[in-house]
Amino acid sequence: MSSLLTVLWMRNNANVTCSFKASWLLVVVLLTCVPSRAELLKDVVYARVEGVALTMDVSLPEGNGPFPAAILVHGGGFVAGDKQQYIIYLFKPLADANFVWFSINYRLAPKYKFPAATDDVEHAVRFVRKNAKKYKVDLSRISLIGESAGGHLVSYVGARNRPEARVAAVVSMYGIHDFVSRAVKMGGQPSEAQSDFLGVDRTDASTVSILVKASPVTYVTKEMPPFLLIHGEHDQEVPYDQSVEMCEEMTRVGARCELITVDAGHGMDTWEPHPELHWYKQALVDWLRKTLQ
C-alpha cells in the first residue's frame, strides 16, 4: 500500500482499532517517503546598479537550517540568458540535497561590458552573506556555481577572493579561464561575444592587458577557495584545455582543484538528452557535500 493510500485508509477507517505502535509506524513511513518540498521565491532584488534592478530566484528547503547554499550563474555567451535558462538542470539536484539555491540575473553585454557582470556576481554574494539568517544560509558553506559564461564569472570572483565576496567553494562548468590563450587558439582574435563582453575586437599590445585582467587564471593563489571544474572533452566552443590549464595552475601554487571530464561537447543543454551523462549532477553534489563539511 502506498503512503498516500495508507493515509486515506486511516482517514476513512477511523473506527478500526489498531495499536499505537502500528499507527506510529505508518506515520514514520509516510514522513520518510514524501519528498521534501522547497519554497520558491521569484524576482528577489539583490542589488540596484545604475538604475538596474538585479534579481534572483531563491529556493528554500523545508526546515530551520542553516543549510549550505549555492549561488547559480547562467551562461549565454555574456550577451544572453537569464536566471531560468541553461543552469536549470541543477535546480532539482541541489534542492533534493537540501541546498538553498539562488539563481541570479546579471547585466549583459554589449550594453554592459566587463567588469559589470563580475561586479554583479559579487553583489549577489554580498547579498546572500548579509541576508544569511533570513534565507536560512550557513555562512561557512556558501558556494558559487556557473556554466559557460557563468563559469568564467564564478571563476573570476572565486579566484579574486575578495573578503566581502568570499565563498567556500566554486564549481565552474566549461568556462573561459584565460582569454589570451583562448584568442591565440582562435587565430589571435576574440570571439564576437567575447569582444562584446570585453570591449575589444583584436588581440595586440594595446588590448592584451584587458584580456589578462579579465582572465581568472591571473588571480590564482594558494588562498583561493577549492574549485571543481566540469568540462566536456569534445567542447568546440570553450576548449577543454581551458579547465585543464586552470586546474594545473591552481595545483602548482597549492590551491585545491578537481577536474571532472564529461565525454561530450559544450553545455548541459546538449548533455541533458543523454541519460548516460547525467552522473555529473550527482558528482557535483557529492563534491559540494565533501568540500563544505
C-alpha atoms as a PDB file:
ATOM      1  CA  MET A   1       0.000   0.000   0.000  1.00  0.00           C
ATOM      2  CA  SER A   2       1.456   3.425  -0.951  1.00  0.00           C
ATOM      3  CA  SER A   3       1.949   6.140   1.650  1.00  0.00           C
ATOM      4  CA  LEU A   4      -0.927   8.193   0.240  1.00  0.00           C
ATOM      5  CA  LEU A   5      -3.278   5.199   0.194  1.00  0.00           C
ATOM      6  CA  THR A   6      -2.249   4.357   3.740  1.00  0.00           C
ATOM      7  CA  VAL A   7      -3.235   7.840   4.912  1.00  0.00           C
ATOM      8  CA  LEU A   8      -6.586   7.645   3.100  1.00  0.00           C
ATOM      9  CA  TRP A   9      -7.245   4.216   4.592  1.00  0.00           C
ATOM     10  CA  MET A  10      -6.533   5.531   8.083  1.00  0.00           C
ATOM     11  CA  ARG A  11      -8.774   8.544   7.478  1.00  0.00           C
ATOM     12  CA  ASN A  12     -11.699   6.508   6.158  1.00  0.00           C
ATOM     13  CA  ASN A  13     -11.448   3.753   8.771  1.00  0.00           C
ATOM     14  CA  ALA A  14     -11.128   5.755  11.942  1.00  0.00           C
ATOM     15  CA  ASN A  15     -13.258   3.254  13.792  1.00  0.00           C
ATOM     16  CA  VAL A  16     -10.792   0.454  13.123  1.00  0.00           C
ATOM     17  CA  THR A  17      -8.899  -0.428  16.255  1.00  0.00           C
ATOM     18  CA  CYS A  18      -5.161  -0.559  15.816  1.00  0.00           C
ATOM     19  CA  SER A  19      -2.272  -0.452  18.181  1.00  0.00           C
ATOM     20  CA  PHE A  20      -0.443   2.773  18.922  1.00  0.00           C
ATOM     21  CA  LYS A  21       2.738   1.098  17.751  1.00  0.00           C
ATOM     22  CA  ALA A  22       1.306   0.259  14.330  1.00  0.00           C
ATOM     23  CA  SER A  23      -0.134   3.752  13.857  1.00  0.00           C
ATOM     24  CA  TRP A  24       3.171   5.357  14.737  1.00  0.00           C
ATOM     25  CA  LEU A  25       4.968   3.109  12.271  1.00  0.00           C
ATOM     26  CA  LEU A  26       2.669   4.247   9.463  1.00  0.00           C
ATOM     27  CA  VAL A  27       3.355   7.885  10.299  1.00  0.00           C
ATOM     28  CA  VAL A  28       7.095   7.284  10.191  1.00  0.00           C
ATOM     29  CA  VAL A  29       6.791   5.575   6.810  1.00  0.00           C
ATOM     30  CA  LEU A  30       4.776   8.490   5.464  1.00  0.00           C
ATOM     31  CA  LEU A  31       7.285  11.082   6.643  1.00  0.00           C
ATOM     32  CA  THR A  32      10.224   9.238   5.149  1.00  0.00           C
ATOM     33  CA  CYS A  33       8.570   8.532   1.787  1.00  0.00           C
ATOM     34  CA  VAL A  34       7.225  12.008   0.993  1.00  0.00           C
ATOM     35  CA  PRO A  35       9.938  14.113  -0.703  1.00  0.00           C
ATOM     36  CA  SER A  36      10.971  17.371   0.910  1.00  0.00           C
ATOM     37  CA  ARG A  37       9.365  20.481  -0.529  1.00  0.00           C
ATOM     38  CA  ALA A  38      11.186  23.701  -1.314  1.00  0.00           C
ATOM     39  CA  GLU A  39       9.670  27.178  -1.321  1.00  0.00           C
ATOM     40  CA  LEU A  40      10.454  29.187  -4.469  1.00  0.00           C
ATOM     41  CA  LEU A  41      10.767  32.962  -4.206  1.00  0.00           C
ATOM     42  CA  LYS A  42      10.751  34.746  -7.558  1.00  0.00           C
ATOM     43  CA  ASP A  43      12.441  38.003  -8.603  1.00  0.00           C
ATOM     44  CA  VAL A  44      14.065  38.945  -5.317  1.00  0.00           C
ATOM     45  CA  VAL A  45      16.027  42.173  -5.851  1.00  0.00           C
ATOM     46  CA  TYR A  46      19.588  41.670  -4.631  1.00  0.00           C
ATOM     47  CA  ALA A  47      21.084  44.986  -5.847  1.00  0.00           C
ATOM     48  CA  ARG A  48      20.341  48.129  -7.809  1.00  0.00           C
ATOM     49  CA  VAL A  49      23.134  49.348 -10.062  1.00  0.00           C
ATOM     50  CA  GLU A  50      22.909  52.312 -12.427  1.00  0.00           C
ATOM     51  CA  GLY A  51      19.131  52.202 -12.195  1.00  0.00           C
ATOM     52  CA  VAL A  52      19.004  48.484 -12.986  1.00  0.00           C
ATOM     53  CA  ALA A  53      17.261  46.153 -10.523  1.00  0.00           C
ATOM     54  CA  LEU A  54      19.236  42.906 -10.346  1.00  0.00           C
ATOM     55  CA  THR A  55      17.040  39.958  -9.425  1.00  0.00           C
ATOM     56  CA  MET A  56      17.373  36.368  -8.307  1.00  0.00           C
ATOM     57  CA  ASP A  57      15.102  33.378  -7.729  1.00  0.00           C
ATOM     58  CA  VAL A  58      15.535  31.626  -4.393  1.00  0.00           C
ATOM     59  CA  SER A  59      14.741  28.021  -3.462  1.00  0.00           C
ATOM     60  CA  LEU A  60      14.381  27.419   0.289  1.00  0.00           C
ATOM     61  CA  PRO A  61      14.357  23.907   1.778  1.00  0.00           C
ATOM     62  CA  GLU A  62      11.886  22.929   4.463  1.00  0.00           C
ATOM     63  CA  GLY A  63      13.188  23.230   7.992  1.00  0.00           C
ATOM     64  CA  ASN A  64      15.024  25.762  10.079  1.00  0.00           C
ATOM     65  CA  GLY A  65      18.517  25.282   8.677  1.00  0.00           C
ATOM     66  CA  PRO A  66      21.043  26.683   8.412  1.00  0.00           C
ATOM     67  CA  PHE A  67      21.653  24.993   5.064  1.00  0.00           C
ATOM     68  CA  PRO A  68      24.516  25.034   2.578  1.00  0.00           C
ATOM     69  CA  ALA A  69      23.920  27.488  -0.257  1.00  0.00           C
ATOM     70  CA  ALA A  70      24.681  27.703  -3.966  1.00  0.00           C
ATOM     71  CA  ILE A  71      24.628  30.925  -5.986  1.00  0.00           C
ATOM     72  CA  LEU A  72      23.945  29.936  -9.605  1.00  0.00           C
ATOM     73  CA  VAL A  73      25.181  31.966 -12.583  1.00  0.00           C
ATOM     74  CA  HIS A  74      23.759  31.162 -16.018  1.00  0.00           C
ATOM     75  CA  GLY A  75      25.615  31.116 -19.320  1.00  0.00           C
ATOM     76  CA  GLY A  76      24.703  32.677 -22.643  1.00  0.00           C
ATOM     77  CA  GLY A  77      27.966  33.964 -24.087  1.00  0.00           C
ATOM     78  CA  PHE A  78      27.897  37.068 -21.846  1.00  0.00           C
ATOM     79  CA  VAL A  79      25.178  38.543 -24.098  1.00  0.00           C
ATOM     80  CA  ALA A  80      22.103  36.365 -23.470  1.00  0.00           C
ATOM     81  CA  GLY A  81      20.339  34.125 -20.966  1.00  0.00           C
ATOM     82  CA  ASP A  82      18.687  34.663 -17.609  1.00  0.00           C
ATOM     83  CA  LYS A  83      18.187  33.030 -14.231  1.00  0.00           C
ATOM     84  CA  GLN A  84      15.747  30.449 -15.631  1.00  0.00           C
ATOM     85  CA  GLN A  85      17.879  29.333 -18.574  1.00  0.00           C
ATOM     86  CA  TYR A  86      20.825  26.976 -19.122  1.00  0.00           C
ATOM     87  CA  ILE A  87      21.591  26.470 -15.410  1.00  0.00           C
ATOM     88  CA  ILE A  88      18.157  24.965 -14.694  1.00  0.00           C
ATOM     89  CA  TYR A  89      19.352  21.353 -14.766  1.00  0.00           C
ATOM     90  CA  LEU A  90      20.989  21.881 -11.378  1.00  0.00           C
ATOM     91  CA  PHE A  91      17.873  23.190  -9.618  1.00  0.00           C
ATOM     92  CA  LYS A  92      16.434  19.812  -8.634  1.00  0.00           C
ATOM     93  CA  PRO A  93      19.691  18.067  -7.646  1.00  0.00           C
ATOM     94  CA  LEU A  94      20.551  20.956  -5.327  1.00  0.00           C
ATOM     95  CA  ALA A  95      17.048  21.174  -3.866  1.00  0.00           C
ATOM     96  CA  ASP A  96      16.991  17.407  -3.299  1.00  0.00           C
ATOM     97  CA  ALA A  97      20.314  17.763  -1.452  1.00  0.00           C
ATOM     98  CA  ASN A  98      18.788  20.421   0.852  1.00  0.00           C
ATOM     99  CA  PHE A  99      20.741  23.346  -0.536  1.00  0.00           C
ATOM    100  CA  VAL A 100      19.385  26.864  -0.596  1.00  0.00           C
ATOM    101  CA  TRP A 101      19.971  27.986  -4.162  1.00  0.00           C
ATOM    102  CA  PHE A 102      19.945  31.468  -5.628  1.00  0.00           C
ATOM    103  CA  SER A 103      19.751  31.762  -9.433  1.00  0.00           C
ATOM    104  CA  ILE A 104      20.753  35.266 -10.489  1.00  0.00           C
ATOM    105  CA  ASN A 105      20.359  37.660 -13.371  1.00  0.00           C
ATOM    106  CA  TYR A 106      23.299  39.925 -14.164  1.00  0.00           C
ATOM    107  CA  ARG A 107      23.986  42.771 -16.577  1.00  0.00           C
ATOM    108  CA  LEU A 108      24.669  41.557 -20.104  1.00  0.00           C
ATOM    109  CA  ALA A 109      26.983  42.735 -22.880  1.00  0.00           C
ATOM    110  CA  PRO A 110      27.262  44.571 -25.161  1.00  0.00           C
ATOM    111  CA  LYS A 111      25.333  47.236 -23.232  1.00  0.00           C
ATOM    112  CA  TYR A 112      27.267  46.447 -20.059  1.00  0.00           C
ATOM    113  CA  LYS A 113      30.895  45.489 -20.503  1.00  0.00           C
ATOM    114  CA  PHE A 114      33.410  43.887 -18.171  1.00  0.00           C
ATOM    115  CA  PRO A 115      33.544  44.164 -15.195  1.00  0.00           C
ATOM    116  CA  ALA A 116      29.792  44.806 -14.864  1.00  0.00           C
ATOM    117  CA  ALA A 117      28.827  41.111 -14.812  1.00  0.00           C
ATOM    118  CA  THR A 118      31.579  40.109 -12.391  1.00  0.00           C
ATOM    119  CA  ASP A 119      30.619  43.023 -10.142  1.00  0.00           C
ATOM    120  CA  ASP A 120      27.031  41.725 -10.147  1.00  0.00           C
ATOM    121  CA  VAL A 121      28.118  38.258  -9.050  1.00  0.00           C
ATOM    122  CA  GLU A 122      29.985  39.874  -6.169  1.00  0.00           C
ATOM    123  CA  HIS A 123      26.845  41.885  -5.332  1.00  0.00           C
ATOM    124  CA  ALA A 124      24.941  38.593  -5.160  1.00  0.00           C
ATOM    125  CA  VAL A 125      27.476  37.030  -2.793  1.00  0.00           C
ATOM    126  CA  ARG A 126      27.358  40.068  -0.521  1.00  0.00           C
ATOM    127  CA  PHE A 127      23.539  39.969  -0.533  1.00  0.00           C
ATOM    128  CA  VAL A 128      23.452  36.308   0.444  1.00  0.00           C
ATOM    129  CA  ARG A 129      26.001  36.848   3.194  1.00  0.00           C
ATOM    130  CA  LYS A 130      24.114  39.867   4.547  1.00  0.00           C
ATOM    131  CA  ASN A 131      20.777  38.038   4.477  1.00  0.00           C
ATOM    132  CA  ALA A 132      22.014  34.612   5.529  1.00  0.00           C
ATOM    133  CA  LYS A 133      19.690  34.357   8.522  1.00  0.00           C
ATOM    134  CA  LYS A 134      16.626  35.360   6.506  1.00  0.00           C
ATOM    135  CA  TYR A 135      17.299  32.692   3.868  1.00  0.00           C
ATOM    136  CA  LYS A 136      18.491  30.000   6.314  1.00  0.00           C
ATOM    137  CA  VAL A 137      22.036  30.003   4.915  1.00  0.00           C
ATOM    138  CA  ASP A 138      25.086  28.657   6.705  1.00  0.00           C
ATOM    139  CA  LEU A 139      27.643  31.440   6.208  1.00  0.00           C
ATOM    140  CA  SER A 140      30.509  28.960   6.247  1.00  0.00           C
ATOM    141  CA  ARG A 141      29.004  26.875   3.406  1.00  0.00           C
ATOM    142  CA  ILE A 142      28.290  29.263   0.517  1.00  0.00           C
ATOM    143  CA  SER A 143      29.310  28.140  -2.971  1.00  0.00           C
ATOM    144  CA  LEU A 144      29.327  29.656  -6.445  1.00  0.00           C
ATOM    145  CA  ILE A 145      28.252  27.589  -9.458  1.00  0.00           C
ATOM    146  CA  GLY A 146      28.340  28.834 -13.054  1.00  0.00           C
ATOM    147  CA  GLU A 147      28.220  27.385 -16.537  1.00  0.00           C
ATOM    148  CA  SER A 148      29.779  28.648 -19.795  1.00  0.00           C
ATOM    149  CA  ALA A 149      29.926  32.463 -19.484  1.00  0.00           C
ATOM    150  CA  GLY A 150      28.730  31.965 -15.915  1.00  0.00           C
ATOM    151  CA  GLY A 151      31.593  29.528 -15.426  1.00  0.00           C
ATOM    152  CA  HIS A 152      34.009  32.324 -16.243  1.00  0.00           C
ATOM    153  CA  LEU A 153      32.222  34.731 -13.915  1.00  0.00           C
ATOM    154  CA  VAL A 154      32.270  32.436 -10.880  1.00  0.00           C
ATOM    155  CA  SER A 155      35.907  31.501 -11.509  1.00  0.00           C
ATOM    156  CA  TYR A 156      36.830  35.176 -11.705  1.00  0.00           C
ATOM    157  CA  VAL A 157      35.028  36.081  -8.471  1.00  0.00           C
ATOM    158  CA  GLY A 158      36.277  32.959  -6.710  1.00  0.00           C
ATOM    159  CA  ALA A 159      39.885  33.494  -7.775  1.00  0.00           C
ATOM    160  CA  ARG A 160      39.885  37.170  -6.776  1.00  0.00           C
ATOM    161  CA  ASN A 161      38.589  36.023  -3.403  1.00  0.00           C
ATOM    162  CA  ARG A 162      37.697  39.465  -2.091  1.00  0.00           C
ATOM    163  CA  PRO A 163      36.817  39.368   1.635  1.00  0.00           C
ATOM    164  CA  GLU A 164      33.306  40.785   1.166  1.00  0.00           C
ATOM    165  CA  ALA A 165      32.533  38.342  -1.670  1.00  0.00           C
ATOM    166  CA  ARG A 166      34.364  35.287  -0.387  1.00  0.00           C
ATOM    167  CA  VAL A 167      32.827  31.837  -0.798  1.00  0.00           C
ATOM    168  CA  ALA A 168      33.772  28.383   0.472  1.00  0.00           C
ATOM    169  CA  ALA A 169      33.716  26.589  -2.888  1.00  0.00           C
ATOM    170  CA  VAL A 170      33.438  27.230  -6.635  1.00  0.00           C
ATOM    171  CA  VAL A 171      32.062  24.975  -9.365  1.00  0.00           C
ATOM    172  CA  SER A 172      32.951  26.266 -12.821  1.00  0.00           C
ATOM    173  CA  MET A 173      31.498  24.415 -15.801  1.00  0.00           C
ATOM    174  CA  TYR A 174      33.187  24.821 -19.222  1.00  0.00           C
ATOM    175  CA  GLY A 175      34.156  28.443 -18.619  1.00  0.00           C
ATOM    176  CA  ILE A 176      36.984  30.525 -20.077  1.00  0.00           C
ATOM    177  CA  HIS A 177      39.890  30.943 -17.669  1.00  0.00           C
ATOM    178  CA  ASP A 178      42.496  32.537 -19.931  1.00  0.00           C
ATOM    179  CA  PHE A 179      41.293  34.932 -22.649  1.00  0.00           C
ATOM    180  CA  VAL A 180      44.800  35.273 -24.065  1.00  0.00           C
ATOM    181  CA  SER A 181      45.312  31.583 -24.751  1.00  0.00           C
ATOM    182  CA  ARG A 182      41.711  31.337 -25.987  1.00  0.00           C
ATOM    183  CA  ALA A 183      42.337  34.131 -28.501  1.00  0.00           C
ATOM    184  CA  VAL A 184      45.595  32.527 -29.656  1.00  0.00           C
ATOM    185  CA  LYS A 185      43.784  29.264 -30.366  1.00  0.00           C
ATOM    186  CA  MET A 186      41.184  31.199 -32.367  1.00  0.00           C
ATOM    187  CA  GLY A 187      43.802  32.685 -34.663  1.00  0.00           C
ATOM    188  CA  GLY A 188      44.569  35.675 -32.484  1.00  0.00           C
ATOM    189  CA  GLN A 189      41.068  37.114 -32.295  1.00  0.00           C
ATOM    190  CA  PRO A 190      38.468  37.000 -29.517  1.00  0.00           C
ATOM    191  CA  SER A 191      35.030  35.708 -30.474  1.00  0.00           C
ATOM    192  CA  GLU A 192      32.216  38.163 -31.192  1.00  0.00           C
ATOM    193  CA  ALA A 193      30.619  37.530 -27.805  1.00  0.00           C
ATOM    194  CA  GLN A 194      33.952  37.943 -26.026  1.00  0.00           C
ATOM    195  CA  SER A 195      34.513  41.178 -27.938  1.00  0.00           C
ATOM    196  CA  ASP A 196      31.122  42.426 -26.773  1.00  0.00           C
ATOM    197  CA  PHE A 197      31.969  41.461 -23.191  1.00  0.00           C
ATOM    198  CA  LEU A 198      35.497  42.859 -23.092  1.00  0.00           C
ATOM    199  CA  GLY A 199      35.062  45.789 -25.469  1.00  0.00           C
ATOM    200  CA  VAL A 200      37.977  44.746 -27.705  1.00  0.00           C
ATOM    201  CA  ASP A 201      37.939  43.347 -31.242  1.00  0.00           C
ATOM    202  CA  ARG A 202      41.548  42.254 -31.588  1.00  0.00           C
ATOM    203  CA  THR A 203      44.464  40.907 -29.591  1.00  0.00           C
ATOM    204  CA  ASP A 204      47.562  43.085 -29.689  1.00  0.00           C
ATOM    205  CA  ALA A 205      49.786  45.123 -27.411  1.00  0.00           C
ATOM    206  CA  SER A 206      47.054  47.723 -26.865  1.00  0.00           C
ATOM    207  CA  THR A 207      44.361  45.230 -25.788  1.00  0.00           C
ATOM    208  CA  VAL A 208      46.150  42.293 -24.194  1.00  0.00           C
ATOM    209  CA  SER A 209      46.101  43.927 -20.761  1.00  0.00           C
ATOM    210  CA  ILE A 210      42.286  43.814 -20.801  1.00  0.00           C
ATOM    211  CA  LEU A 211      42.307  40.108 -21.676  1.00  0.00           C
ATOM    212  CA  VAL A 212      44.770  39.426 -18.877  1.00  0.00           C
ATOM    213  CA  LYS A 213      42.744  41.446 -16.362  1.00  0.00           C
ATOM    214  CA  ALA A 214      39.544  39.553 -17.223  1.00  0.00           C
ATOM    215  CA  SER A 215      41.163  36.095 -17.005  1.00  0.00           C
ATOM    216  CA  PRO A 216      40.590  34.138 -13.777  1.00  0.00           C
ATOM    217  CA  VAL A 217      43.971  32.411 -14.122  1.00  0.00           C
ATOM    218  CA  THR A 218      45.591  35.798 -13.471  1.00  0.00           C
ATOM    219  CA  TYR A 219      44.367  35.753  -9.866  1.00  0.00           C
ATOM    220  CA  VAL A 220      45.273  32.199  -8.858  1.00  0.00           C
ATOM    221  CA  THR A 221      46.727  31.988  -5.340  1.00  0.00           C
ATOM    222  CA  LYS A 222      47.037  29.366  -2.655  1.00  0.00           C
ATOM    223  CA  GLU A 223      44.415  31.190  -0.572  1.00  0.00           C
ATOM    224  CA  MET A 224      41.577  30.914  -3.124  1.00  0.00           C
ATOM    225  CA  PRO A 225      38.657  28.560  -2.357  1.00  0.00           C
ATOM    226  CA  PRO A 226      38.554  24.974  -3.638  1.00  0.00           C
ATOM    227  CA  PHE A 227      37.441  24.656  -7.271  1.00  0.00           C
ATOM    228  CA  LEU A 228      35.617  21.892  -9.108  1.00  0.00           C
ATOM    229  CA  LEU A 229      35.893  22.236 -12.891  1.00  0.00           C
ATOM    230  CA  ILE A 230      33.473  20.284 -15.115  1.00  0.00           C
ATOM    231  CA  HIS A 231      34.117  20.269 -18.847  1.00  0.00           C
ATOM    232  CA  GLY A 232      33.145  18.344 -21.956  1.00  0.00           C
ATOM    233  CA  GLU A 233      36.199  16.733 -23.508  1.00  0.00           C
ATOM    234  CA  HIS A 234      34.913  17.468 -27.028  1.00  0.00           C
ATOM    235  CA  ASP A 235      33.885  21.089 -26.421  1.00  0.00           C
ATOM    236  CA  GLN A 236      34.198  23.122 -29.634  1.00  0.00           C
ATOM    237  CA  GLU A 237      33.156  26.463 -28.084  1.00  0.00           C
ATOM    238  CA  VAL A 238      35.360  26.641 -24.998  1.00  0.00           C
ATOM    239  CA  PRO A 239      38.366  24.308 -25.373  1.00  0.00           C
ATOM    240  CA  TYR A 240      38.682  21.601 -22.736  1.00  0.00           C
ATOM    241  CA  ASP A 241      42.267  22.818 -22.216  1.00  0.00           C
ATOM    242  CA  GLN A 242      40.884  25.935 -20.509  1.00  0.00           C
ATOM    243  CA  SER A 243      39.875  23.835 -17.498  1.00  0.00           C
ATOM    244  CA  VAL A 244      42.955  21.605 -17.624  1.00  0.00           C
ATOM    245  CA  GLU A 245      45.324  24.573 -17.558  1.00  0.00           C
ATOM    246  CA  MET A 246      43.398  26.373 -14.797  1.00  0.00           C
ATOM    247  CA  CYS A 247      43.447  23.288 -12.604  1.00  0.00           C
ATOM    248  CA  GLU A 248      47.147  22.745 -13.262  1.00  0.00           C
ATOM    249  CA  GLU A 249      47.959  26.324 -12.295  1.00  0.00           C
ATOM    250  CA  MET A 250      45.905  26.074  -9.098  1.00  0.00           C
ATOM    251  CA  THR A 251      47.619  22.834  -8.169  1.00  0.00           C
ATOM    252  CA  ARG A 252      51.016  24.362  -8.901  1.00  0.00           C
ATOM    253  CA  VAL A 253      50.525  27.132  -6.319  1.00  0.00           C
ATOM    254  CA  GLY A 254      48.998  24.822  -3.701  1.00  0.00           C
ATOM    255  CA  ALA A 255      45.309  25.615  -4.205  1.00  0.00           C
ATOM    256  CA  ARG A 256      42.708  22.825  -4.310  1.00  0.00           C
ATOM    257  CA  CYS A 257      41.236  21.892  -7.681  1.00  0.00           C
ATOM    258  CA  GLU A 258      39.497  18.850  -9.153  1.00  0.00           C
ATOM    259  CA  LEU A 259      38.520  18.318 -12.793  1.00  0.00           C
ATOM    260  CA  ILE A 260      35.595  16.193 -13.949  1.00  0.00           C
ATOM    261  CA  THR A 261      35.694  15.277 -17.617  1.00  0.00           C
ATOM    262  CA  VAL A 262      32.450  14.574 -19.467  1.00  0.00           C
ATOM    263  CA  ASP A 263      32.515  12.620 -22.728  1.00  0.00           C
ATOM    264  CA  ALA A 264      30.541  15.309 -24.542  1.00  0.00           C
ATOM    265  CA  GLY A 265      30.615  18.743 -26.154  1.00  0.00           C
ATOM    266  CA  HIS A 266      29.599  22.137 -24.816  1.00  0.00           C
ATOM    267  CA  GLY A 267      26.775  22.728 -22.382  1.00  0.00           C
ATOM    268  CA  MET A 268      24.246  20.999 -20.156  1.00  0.00           C
ATOM    269  CA  ASP A 269      21.610  21.679 -22.818  1.00  0.00           C
ATOM    270  CA  THR A 270      23.423  19.224 -25.074  1.00  0.00           C
ATOM    271  CA  TRP A 271      24.102  16.755 -22.246  1.00  0.00           C
ATOM    272  CA  GLU A 272      20.537  16.559 -20.932  1.00  0.00           C
ATOM    273  CA  PRO A 273      19.074  14.396 -23.758  1.00  0.00           C
ATOM    274  CA  HIS A 274      21.639  11.704 -22.887  1.00  0.00           C
ATOM    275  CA  PRO A 275      20.827   9.984 -19.558  1.00  0.00           C
ATOM    276  CA  GLU A 276      24.211   8.279 -19.549  1.00  0.00           C
ATOM    277  CA  LEU A 277      25.774  11.714 -18.959  1.00  0.00           C
ATOM    278  CA  HIS A 278      23.588  12.707 -16.005  1.00  0.00           C
ATOM    279  CA  TRP A 279      26.053  11.270 -13.499  1.00  0.00           C
ATOM    280  CA  TYR A 280      27.827  14.637 -13.402  1.00  0.00           C
ATOM    281  CA  LYS A 281      24.956  16.090 -11.346  1.00  0.00           C
ATOM    282  CA  GLN A 282      25.455  13.642  -8.501  1.00  0.00           C
ATOM    283  CA  ALA A 283      29.221  14.049  -8.777  1.00  0.00           C
ATOM    284  CA  LEU A 284      28.775  17.825  -8.400  1.00  0.00           C
ATOM    285  CA  VAL A 285      26.539  17.470  -5.331  1.00  0.00           C
ATOM    286  CA  ASP A 286      28.856  14.886  -3.775  1.00  0.00           C
ATOM    287  CA  TRP A 287      31.852  17.198  -4.255  1.00  0.00           C
ATOM    288  CA  LEU A 288      29.998  20.102  -2.657  1.00  0.00           C
ATOM    289  CA  ARG A 289      28.943  17.998   0.323  1.00  0.00           C
ATOM    290  CA  LYS A 290      32.518  16.809   0.843  1.00  0.00           C
ATOM    291  CA  THR A 291      34.047  20.265   0.394  1.00  0.00           C
ATOM    292  CA  LEU A 292      31.518  22.158   2.510  1.00  0.00           C
ATOM    293  CA  GLN A 293      31.698  19.875   5.543  1.00  0.00           C
END
